[in-house]
Amino acid sequence: MTMKETANITNKPDTGHTAPRLKDLSAAQWRTGIAAWLGWLFDGLDSHLYTLVAAPFVAQLLHVASASDPAVKEKSAWIQAAFLVGWALGGSFFGRVGDVLGRSRTLALTILTYALFTGLACFAGTWWQLLIFRFLAALGIGGEWAVGSALLAETWPRQWRFWISAVLQTGINIGVLLACLTVFLLSELPKPWSEVRYVFVIGILPALIVFWIRKSVGEPEEWHRARAAAEKPPHWTALFQGAVLRTTLLATIVCSLSLTAWWAFLFWNVQHLRSLPEIAGWSDGAKSRLASAGFFLVIGVSIFGNYFAALLGKLFGFRRAIALMCVGFFGTMVGAYCVPRGYVSLLFWIPWVGFFSGVFGLFTMYLPPLFPVLLRTTGAGFCFNIGRIAAAAGTVVFGLFATVNDYRIVLFWNAFLFLPAIIVVLLMPDEYREGPARA
């Protein structure tokens, strides 16, 4: 890079504005907060609808009698992997668009993308059509994370970042709970409306907020200033140059490890609950209700974990809080799967796993300020969402090593991914600085 190009990417975040009380926040700040929170809520809804109905829907598309058929396990894992790859690519692509086009405009585009293709999944006639629709929906879901987090990092005062990270993650959790509720209620309807494919229709709802975002949410002043000062936005390859390179690599490793462990848990735990020997004689509807209830517990308890993580962040800073939450993640997953358990025992353990998933709320406000302004959504989107590639591989690999109808051992070893994540996150910087990155 030339000296001028280097100067273009050394814009530091504006940390001067403060608001000691919520009532001191401006109307514009509230609008950006609401827009990002709604984006997170519908992100959670649309991203988890498939997780809850994967086995019965794929069985239906494959025309097999049982959701426990080995072919269902294989194809559903590939569909979930494609979704996570799309999430990663969408985070990188729309992250770049967010730096060039603006945060608000790109946020609207991402929401429209995932709403449209989640709804279209209802019309899938084959498993590979469902794979394509989930991949395309994931492009928008991954992009929404990067753009929404940068939008708030640039508009909300520094002292609120820990708590706003918890509030944002709670938006995702509520969206997931709505997905659980949708699946649960659907199973109670008479046929044909109880068919699992109809859950995807609810995924169209996020499109309704796009028009409000475009009308009411402006671009952050910090982004405008950086754009005005720069002759042109830095190339995305600046993530792998100079002082930024170390941060990019470390953040990518932490996100890849933690997201792989989390998504493997989310996906295979549902299958594990469905395949427990003690419920083998249950109807598909009863198994779906148990899976939904287990998922509901995990995500419901995670809301409390979000605020616990925020408190740790306030006390110890982002890096140490992330490390402590990963320690809890490891311990609870080992406890849940170290021995065979029935569904009653699992329903006690797995909510604790959900509690420590509050760590992901910390990433929303921690990652964007690690990068210069005009690399902010590019960097945050790449590092966090490229972890989905690893998570996609992990979902498939763990599934291939799992014995049919027994996923416990895979879920147990999955927990050990958090150990290297704990070490690496402690080597990361606190925020972006000119010159060599320092932990």
Protein backbone atom coordinates (compact mmCIF):
# COMPACT_ATOMS: atom_id res chain seq x y z
CA MET A 1 0.00 0.00 0.00
CA THR A 2 1.06 3.59 -0.57
CA MET A 3 1.45 6.05 2.29
CA LYS A 4 -1.82 7.71 1.29
CA GLU A 5 -3.70 4.40 1.23
CA THR A 6 -2.32 3.56 4.65
CA ALA A 7 -3.52 6.89 5.97
CA ASN A 8 -6.97 6.18 4.61
CA ILE A 9 -7.42 3.16 6.87
CA THR A 10 -6.15 4.62 10.13
CA ASN A 11 -9.35 6.37 11.11
CA LYS A 12 -9.99 5.69 14.78
CA PRO A 13 -13.50 5.35 16.20
CA ASP A 14 -15.03 8.49 17.63
CA THR A 15 -15.23 7.82 21.35
CA GLY A 16 -15.91 11.34 22.50
CA HIS A 17 -19.71 11.25 22.61
CA THR A 18 -21.22 10.08 25.88
CA ALA A 19 -24.68 9.45 27.29
CA PRO A 20 -24.60 8.57 30.99
CA ARG A 21 -28.33 7.76 31.00
CA LEU A 22 -30.61 6.15 28.47
CA LYS A 23 -32.68 9.33 28.24
CA ASP A 24 -29.55 11.15 27.05
CA LEU A 25 -29.44 9.09 23.86
CA SER A 26 -30.59 10.86 20.72
CA ALA A 27 -33.56 9.84 18.59
CA ALA A 28 -31.15 8.83 15.81
CA GLN A 29 -29.29 6.52 18.20
CA TRP A 30 -32.53 4.90 19.30
CA ARG A 31 -33.52 4.32 15.66
CA THR A 32 -30.23 2.63 14.84
CA GLY A 33 -30.58 0.49 17.97
CA ILE A 34 -34.11 -0.59 17.08
CA ALA A 35 -33.18 -1.31 13.46
CA ALA A 36 -30.20 -3.45 14.46
CA TRP A 37 -32.19 -5.26 17.16
CA LEU A 38 -35.02 -6.11 14.76
CA GLY A 39 -32.46 -7.32 12.24
CA TRP A 40 -30.96 -9.57 14.94
CA LEU A 41 -34.41 -10.85 15.99
CA PHE A 42 -35.39 -11.90 12.49
CA ASP A 43 -31.86 -13.19 11.93
CA GLY A 44 -32.43 -15.61 14.82
CA LEU A 45 -35.85 -16.59 13.52
CA ASP A 46 -34.82 -17.30 9.94
CA SER A 47 -31.50 -18.97 10.76
CA HIS A 48 -32.96 -21.55 13.16
CA LEU A 49 -36.19 -22.61 11.49
CA TYR A 50 -34.34 -25.29 9.54
CA THR A 51 -32.42 -26.57 12.57
CA LEU A 52 -35.71 -27.45 14.26
CA VAL A 53 -37.32 -29.26 11.33
CA ALA A 54 -34.27 -30.60 9.48
CA ALA A 55 -34.84 -34.32 10.09
CA PRO A 56 -38.56 -34.58 9.24
CA PHE A 57 -38.40 -32.14 6.31
CA VAL A 58 -35.41 -33.81 4.68
CA ALA A 59 -37.04 -37.21 5.23
CA GLN A 60 -40.08 -35.88 3.42
CA LEU A 61 -37.98 -34.59 0.53
CA LEU A 62 -36.11 -37.90 0.28
CA HIS A 63 -39.37 -39.89 0.44
CA VAL A 64 -38.14 -42.14 3.25
CA ALA A 65 -40.32 -43.48 6.03
CA SER A 66 -38.26 -42.44 9.04
CA ALA A 67 -36.41 -39.27 10.02
CA SER A 68 -33.71 -41.52 11.55
CA ASP A 69 -32.77 -42.92 8.13
CA PRO A 70 -28.97 -42.57 7.54
CA ALA A 71 -29.62 -40.69 4.30
CA VAL A 72 -31.54 -38.04 6.26
CA LYS A 73 -28.58 -37.52 8.59
CA GLU A 74 -26.20 -37.13 5.64
CA LYS A 75 -28.31 -34.76 3.53
CA SER A 76 -29.48 -32.61 6.44
CA ALA A 77 -25.85 -32.14 7.49
CA TRP A 78 -24.88 -31.02 3.99
CA ILE A 79 -27.76 -28.56 3.89
CA GLN A 80 -26.71 -27.11 7.24
CA ALA A 81 -23.11 -26.94 6.02
CA ALA A 82 -24.20 -25.04 2.89
CA PHE A 83 -26.13 -22.63 5.10
CA LEU A 84 -23.04 -21.95 7.22
CA VAL A 85 -20.85 -21.49 4.15
CA GLY A 86 -23.41 -19.02 2.77
CA TRP A 87 -23.38 -17.24 6.12
CA ALA A 88 -19.60 -16.90 5.90
CA LEU A 89 -19.61 -15.67 2.31
CA GLY A 90 -22.48 -13.29 3.00
CA GLY A 91 -20.66 -11.83 5.99
CA SER A 92 -17.59 -11.16 3.88
CA PHE A 93 -19.47 -9.88 0.82
CA PHE A 94 -22.01 -7.66 2.56
CA GLY A 95 -19.33 -6.58 5.03
CA ARG A 96 -17.42 -5.15 2.10
CA VAL A 97 -20.59 -3.58 0.70
CA GLY A 98 -21.24 -1.98 4.10
CA ASP A 99 -17.87 -0.22 4.06
CA VAL A 100 -18.39 1.05 0.50
CA LEU A 101 -22.14 1.69 0.25
CA GLY A 102 -22.97 2.48 3.88
CA ARG A 103 -24.28 0.68 6.94
CA SER A 104 -28.00 1.50 6.73
CA ARG A 105 -28.38 0.76 3.02
CA THR A 106 -26.58 -2.54 3.34
CA LEU A 107 -28.56 -3.54 6.44
CA ALA A 108 -31.77 -3.21 4.42
CA LEU A 109 -30.32 -5.32 1.59
CA THR A 110 -29.25 -8.12 3.93
CA ILE A 111 -32.64 -8.37 5.63
CA LEU A 112 -34.46 -8.43 2.30
CA THR A 113 -32.16 -11.22 1.08
CA TYR A 114 -32.65 -13.58 3.99
CA ALA A 115 -36.40 -12.94 4.21
CA LEU A 116 -36.99 -13.72 0.54
CA PHE A 117 -35.02 -16.97 0.37
CA THR A 118 -36.21 -18.29 3.74
CA GLY A 119 -39.77 -17.95 2.47
CA LEU A 120 -38.91 -19.66 -0.81
CA ALA A 121 -37.62 -22.72 1.10
CA CYS A 122 -41.28 -23.62 1.61
CA PHE A 123 -41.48 -24.53 -2.08
CA ALA A 124 -38.43 -26.83 -2.15
CA GLY A 125 -39.24 -30.10 -3.89
CA THR A 126 -35.89 -31.83 -3.44
CA TRP A 127 -33.17 -31.77 -0.79
CA TRP A 128 -30.76 -29.95 -3.12
CA GLN A 129 -33.34 -27.21 -3.80
CA LEU A 130 -33.65 -26.72 -0.05
CA LEU A 131 -29.83 -26.55 0.13
CA ILE A 132 -29.79 -23.75 -2.47
CA PHE A 133 -32.51 -21.71 -0.74
CA ARG A 134 -30.79 -22.06 2.65
CA PHE A 135 -27.44 -21.05 1.13
CA LEU A 136 -28.93 -17.90 -0.42
CA ALA A 137 -30.81 -16.96 2.76
CA ALA A 138 -27.58 -17.33 4.70
CA LEU A 139 -25.86 -14.72 2.54
CA GLY A 140 -28.17 -12.09 4.00
CA ILE A 141 -28.03 -13.43 7.56
CA GLY A 142 -24.23 -13.33 7.60
CA GLY A 143 -24.16 -9.83 6.14
CA GLU A 144 -26.68 -8.50 8.64
CA TRP A 145 -24.43 -9.39 11.57
CA ALA A 146 -21.42 -7.49 10.26
CA VAL A 147 -23.32 -4.38 9.19
CA GLY A 148 -25.59 -4.14 12.23
CA SER A 149 -22.75 -4.49 14.72
CA ALA A 150 -20.68 -1.79 13.01
CA LEU A 151 -23.73 0.49 12.83
CA LEU A 152 -24.13 0.40 16.60
CA ALA A 153 -20.40 0.56 17.35
CA GLU A 154 -20.32 3.84 15.41
CA THR A 155 -23.48 5.43 16.83
CA TRP A 156 -23.80 4.33 20.46
CA PRO A 157 -21.49 5.65 23.20
CA ARG A 158 -18.63 3.49 24.38
CA GLN A 159 -19.97 3.01 27.91
CA TRP A 160 -23.10 1.28 26.56
CA ARG A 161 -21.30 -1.22 24.33
CA PHE A 162 -21.24 -4.07 26.85
CA TRP A 163 -24.96 -3.82 27.53
CA ILE A 164 -25.99 -3.19 23.93
CA SER A 165 -24.11 -6.37 22.98
CA ALA A 166 -26.34 -8.27 25.43
CA VAL A 167 -29.47 -6.59 24.10
CA LEU A 168 -28.55 -7.42 20.50
CA GLN A 169 -27.83 -11.05 21.31
CA THR A 170 -31.15 -11.19 23.15
CA GLY A 171 -32.79 -10.13 19.89
CA ILE A 172 -31.35 -13.24 18.24
CA ASN A 173 -32.47 -15.38 21.18
CA ILE A 174 -36.03 -14.07 20.99
CA GLY A 175 -36.02 -14.77 17.25
CA VAL A 176 -34.93 -18.35 17.95
CA LEU A 177 -37.65 -18.70 20.58
CA LEU A 178 -40.17 -17.50 17.99
CA ALA A 179 -38.84 -20.21 15.66
CA CYS A 180 -39.38 -22.81 18.43
CA LEU A 181 -42.88 -21.48 19.05
CA THR A 182 -43.66 -21.60 15.33
CA VAL A 183 -42.60 -25.26 15.06
CA PHE A 184 -44.43 -26.18 18.27
CA LEU A 185 -47.70 -24.54 17.19
CA LEU A 186 -47.44 -25.93 13.68
CA SER A 187 -47.29 -29.50 15.01
CA GLU A 188 -50.69 -28.92 16.67
CA LEU A 189 -52.45 -27.90 13.44
CA PRO A 190 -54.46 -30.33 11.30
CA LYS A 191 -52.90 -31.62 8.09
CA PRO A 192 -51.81 -30.39 5.59
CA TRP A 193 -50.97 -27.18 7.53
CA SER A 194 -48.92 -29.14 10.05
CA GLU A 195 -46.40 -30.07 7.35
CA VAL A 196 -42.96 -28.87 8.41
CA ARG A 197 -42.37 -26.98 5.16
CA TYR A 198 -44.87 -24.31 6.18
CA VAL A 199 -42.63 -23.04 8.99
CA PHE A 200 -40.56 -21.23 6.36
CA VAL A 201 -43.47 -18.97 5.39
CA ILE A 202 -42.99 -17.09 8.67
CA GLY A 203 -39.49 -16.22 7.48
CA ILE A 204 -40.88 -13.66 5.04
CA LEU A 205 -41.88 -11.30 7.87
CA PRO A 206 -38.50 -9.49 8.15
CA ALA A 207 -39.02 -7.95 4.71
CA LEU A 208 -41.64 -5.67 6.25
CA ILE A 209 -39.08 -3.64 8.24
CA VAL A 210 -36.83 -2.87 5.27
CA PHE A 211 -38.88 0.14 4.16
CA TRP A 212 -38.78 1.67 7.65
CA ILE A 213 -35.00 1.23 7.85
CA ARG A 214 -34.44 2.98 4.53
CA LYS A 215 -36.68 5.87 5.55
CA SER A 216 -35.67 6.34 9.19
CA VAL A 217 -32.08 5.15 9.71
CA GLY A 218 -29.28 7.30 8.35
CA GLU A 219 -25.61 6.52 7.87
CA PRO A 220 -23.29 7.09 10.88
CA GLU A 221 -21.39 10.38 10.96
CA GLU A 222 -18.18 8.46 11.61
CA TRP A 223 -18.59 6.57 8.33
CA HIS A 224 -19.35 9.83 6.46
CA ARG A 225 -16.23 11.48 7.88
CA ALA A 226 -14.03 8.54 6.97
CA ARG A 227 -15.44 8.43 3.44
CA ALA A 228 -14.90 12.17 3.01
CA ALA A 229 -11.31 11.95 4.25
CA ALA A 230 -10.41 8.98 2.07
CA GLU A 231 -9.69 9.30 -1.62
CA LYS A 232 -11.06 5.78 -1.98
CA PRO A 233 -11.94 2.95 0.43
CA PRO A 234 -9.01 0.64 1.22
CA HIS A 235 -8.90 -2.64 -0.66
CA TRP A 236 -10.13 -5.66 1.28
CA THR A 237 -6.62 -7.11 1.12
CA ALA A 238 -5.60 -4.48 3.70
CA LEU A 239 -6.99 -6.95 6.27
CA PHE A 240 -3.88 -9.03 5.63
CA GLN A 241 -1.30 -6.25 5.71
CA GLY A 242 0.57 -4.29 8.34
CA ALA A 243 -0.76 -3.98 11.87
CA VAL A 244 -4.20 -5.30 10.89
CA LEU A 245 -2.94 -8.75 9.83
CA ARG A 246 -2.33 -10.08 13.34
CA THR A 247 -5.79 -9.04 14.51
CA THR A 248 -7.43 -10.60 11.45
CA LEU A 249 -5.71 -13.94 12.00
CA LEU A 250 -6.33 -14.14 15.76
CA ALA A 251 -9.97 -13.07 15.51
CA THR A 252 -10.60 -15.59 12.73
CA ILE A 253 -9.15 -18.44 14.80
CA VAL A 254 -11.23 -17.59 17.89
CA CYS A 255 -14.44 -17.21 15.91
CA SER A 256 -13.83 -20.40 13.92
CA LEU A 257 -13.25 -22.53 17.01
CA SER A 258 -16.11 -21.19 19.09
CA LEU A 259 -18.66 -21.09 16.28
CA THR A 260 -17.82 -24.63 15.16
CA ALA A 261 -18.41 -25.91 18.68
CA TRP A 262 -21.66 -23.94 19.09
CA TRP A 263 -23.22 -24.84 15.76
CA ALA A 264 -22.28 -28.50 16.06
CA PHE A 265 -24.01 -28.46 19.45
CA LEU A 266 -27.12 -26.69 18.13
CA PHE A 267 -27.54 -29.00 15.18
CA TRP A 268 -26.55 -32.41 16.58
CA ASN A 269 -28.09 -31.94 20.02
CA VAL A 270 -31.52 -31.68 18.38
CA GLN A 271 -30.80 -34.90 16.49
CA HIS A 272 -29.48 -36.48 19.70
CA LEU A 273 -32.71 -35.70 21.56
CA ARG A 274 -34.80 -37.12 18.72
CA SER A 275 -32.80 -40.36 18.66
CA LEU A 276 -32.73 -41.24 22.37
CA PRO A 277 -33.67 -44.93 22.84
CA GLU A 278 -36.25 -44.14 25.53
CA ILE A 279 -38.38 -42.12 23.08
CA ALA A 280 -38.08 -44.53 20.13
CA GLY A 281 -41.79 -45.34 20.33
CA TRP A 282 -42.92 -41.73 20.33
CA SER A 283 -44.70 -40.21 17.32
CA ASP A 284 -42.84 -37.77 15.05
CA GLY A 285 -44.99 -34.96 16.43
CA ALA A 286 -44.06 -35.85 20.02
CA LYS A 287 -40.37 -35.99 19.10
CA SER A 288 -40.64 -32.60 17.40
CA ARG A 289 -42.21 -31.13 20.53
CA LEU A 290 -39.40 -32.54 22.70
CA ALA A 291 -36.76 -31.14 20.33
CA SER A 292 -38.50 -27.76 20.31
CA ALA A 293 -38.76 -27.76 24.11
CA GLY A 294 -35.06 -28.57 24.48
CA PHE A 295 -34.11 -25.89 22.00
CA PHE A 296 -36.44 -23.44 23.77
CA LEU A 297 -34.69 -24.11 27.09
CA VAL A 298 -31.22 -23.62 25.59
CA ILE A 299 -32.08 -20.32 23.96
CA GLY A 300 -34.31 -19.04 26.77
CA VAL A 301 -31.58 -19.49 29.37
CA SER A 302 -29.02 -17.97 27.00
CA ILE A 303 -30.79 -14.61 27.41
CA PHE A 304 -29.57 -14.54 31.02
CA GLY A 305 -26.15 -15.58 29.78
CA ASN A 306 -26.04 -12.52 27.52
CA TYR A 307 -26.29 -10.16 30.47
CA PHE A 308 -23.89 -12.24 32.56
CA ALA A 309 -21.36 -11.96 29.72
CA ALA A 310 -21.96 -8.20 29.55
CA LEU A 311 -21.32 -7.94 33.30
CA LEU A 312 -18.06 -9.88 32.92
CA GLY A 313 -17.12 -7.57 30.06
CA LYS A 314 -17.78 -4.53 32.20
CA LEU A 315 -15.66 -5.95 35.04
CA PHE A 316 -12.78 -7.53 33.11
CA GLY A 317 -12.91 -6.24 29.52
CA PHE A 318 -13.95 -8.02 26.36
CA ARG A 319 -11.01 -10.41 25.97
CA ARG A 320 -11.06 -11.83 29.48
CA ALA A 321 -14.86 -12.03 29.50
CA ILE A 322 -14.81 -14.04 26.27
CA ALA A 323 -12.19 -16.38 27.75
CA LEU A 324 -14.21 -16.90 30.95
CA MET A 325 -17.40 -17.64 29.02
CA CYS A 326 -15.54 -20.19 26.87
CA VAL A 327 -14.35 -21.92 30.05
CA GLY A 328 -18.00 -22.23 31.11
CA PHE A 329 -18.95 -23.46 27.64
CA PHE A 330 -16.34 -26.22 27.84
CA GLY A 331 -17.31 -27.35 31.33
CA THR A 332 -21.05 -27.56 30.70
CA MET A 333 -20.71 -29.41 27.38
CA VAL A 334 -18.37 -31.96 28.95
CA GLY A 335 -20.82 -32.37 31.83
CA ALA A 336 -23.76 -32.86 29.49
CA TYR A 337 -22.19 -35.57 27.31
CA CYS A 338 -19.49 -37.29 29.38
CA VAL A 339 -21.94 -40.11 30.21
CA PRO A 340 -25.14 -41.38 28.55
CA ARG A 341 -28.16 -39.42 29.77
CA GLY A 342 -31.92 -39.66 29.31
CA TYR A 343 -33.94 -36.74 28.04
CA VAL A 344 -34.88 -35.56 31.56
CA SER A 345 -31.21 -35.32 32.57
CA LEU A 346 -30.28 -33.65 29.27
CA LEU A 347 -33.02 -31.07 29.75
CA PHE A 348 -31.23 -30.11 32.97
CA TRP A 349 -27.74 -29.87 31.45
CA ILE A 350 -28.21 -28.31 28.03
CA PRO A 351 -29.70 -24.99 29.27
CA TRP A 352 -26.34 -24.37 30.98
CA VAL A 353 -24.64 -24.77 27.62
CA GLY A 354 -27.05 -22.14 26.33
CA PHE A 355 -26.20 -19.85 29.25
CA PHE A 356 -22.57 -19.61 28.18
CA SER A 357 -23.52 -18.96 24.55
CA GLY A 358 -23.91 -15.38 25.79
CA VAL A 359 -20.26 -15.07 24.75
CA PHE A 360 -21.37 -14.44 21.17
CA GLY A 361 -23.04 -11.21 22.21
CA LEU A 362 -19.61 -9.90 23.23
CA PHE A 363 -18.26 -10.38 19.70
CA THR A 364 -20.81 -7.93 18.26
CA MET A 365 -19.28 -4.93 20.01
CA TYR A 366 -15.74 -6.25 20.41
CA LEU A 367 -14.85 -7.07 16.80
CA PRO A 368 -15.79 -3.89 14.84
CA PRO A 369 -13.55 -1.47 16.82
CA LEU A 370 -10.59 -3.80 16.22
CA PHE A 371 -10.48 -2.50 12.63
CA PRO A 372 -10.14 0.93 10.95
CA VAL A 373 -13.43 2.63 10.04
CA LEU A 374 -13.37 1.85 6.32
CA LEU A 375 -12.40 -1.75 7.00
CA ARG A 376 -14.79 -2.18 9.91
CA THR A 377 -17.65 -4.20 8.44
CA THR A 378 -15.22 -5.93 6.07
CA GLY A 379 -13.01 -7.01 8.98
CA ALA A 380 -15.73 -7.90 11.47
CA GLY A 381 -17.75 -9.66 8.78
CA PHE A 382 -14.78 -11.66 7.55
CA CYS A 383 -13.42 -12.75 10.93
CA PHE A 384 -16.70 -13.65 12.57
CA ASN A 385 -18.42 -15.16 9.59
CA ILE A 386 -15.45 -17.00 8.10
CA GLY A 387 -15.80 -19.07 11.24
CA ARG A 388 -18.97 -20.43 9.65
CA ILE A 389 -16.81 -22.20 7.06
CA ALA A 390 -15.09 -24.07 9.87
CA ALA A 391 -18.48 -24.62 11.52
CA ALA A 392 -19.86 -26.01 8.26
CA ALA A 393 -16.98 -28.47 7.99
CA GLY A 394 -17.38 -29.35 11.64
CA THR A 395 -21.10 -30.06 11.27
CA VAL A 396 -20.43 -32.49 8.42
CA VAL A 397 -17.31 -34.10 9.90
CA PHE A 398 -18.89 -34.59 13.33
CA GLY A 399 -21.92 -36.08 11.62
CA LEU A 400 -19.81 -38.51 9.60
CA PHE A 401 -18.06 -39.72 12.74
CA ALA A 402 -21.30 -40.04 14.69
CA THR A 403 -22.90 -43.45 14.96
CA VAL A 404 -26.47 -43.36 13.65
CA ASN A 405 -28.84 -42.50 16.51
CA ASP A 406 -25.93 -41.85 18.94
CA TYR A 407 -24.39 -38.40 18.76
CA ARG A 408 -23.21 -38.15 22.38
CA ILE A 409 -19.51 -38.94 21.82
CA VAL A 410 -19.27 -36.41 19.00
CA LEU A 411 -20.91 -33.74 21.15
CA PHE A 412 -18.50 -34.56 23.99
CA TRP A 413 -15.34 -34.11 21.91
CA ASN A 414 -16.82 -31.03 20.29
CA ALA A 415 -16.44 -29.25 23.66
CA PHE A 416 -12.64 -29.37 23.45
CA LEU A 417 -12.63 -26.78 20.63
CA PHE A 418 -13.10 -24.13 23.30
CA LEU A 419 -9.72 -24.80 24.93
CA PRO A 420 -7.50 -23.33 22.16
CA ALA A 421 -10.05 -20.52 21.71
CA ILE A 422 -9.44 -19.48 25.34
CA ILE A 423 -5.69 -19.19 24.74
CA VAL A 424 -5.93 -17.30 21.45
CA VAL A 425 -8.45 -14.69 22.59
CA LEU A 426 -6.11 -13.61 25.39
CA LEU A 427 -3.51 -12.74 22.74
CA MET A 428 -5.85 -10.35 20.92
CA PRO A 429 -5.81 -6.52 21.15
CA ASP A 430 -8.40 -4.47 23.01
CA GLU A 431 -9.13 -2.13 20.09
CA TYR A 432 -7.60 -0.78 16.90
CA ARG A 433 -4.36 1.18 17.28
CA GLU A 434 -1.98 2.68 14.79
CA GLY A 435 1.26 0.78 14.66
CA PRO A 436 1.86 -2.80 15.76
CA ALA A 437 -1.11 -4.49 17.41
CA ARG A 438 -0.65 -5.02 21.14
CA ALA A 439 -2.54 -7.41 23.39
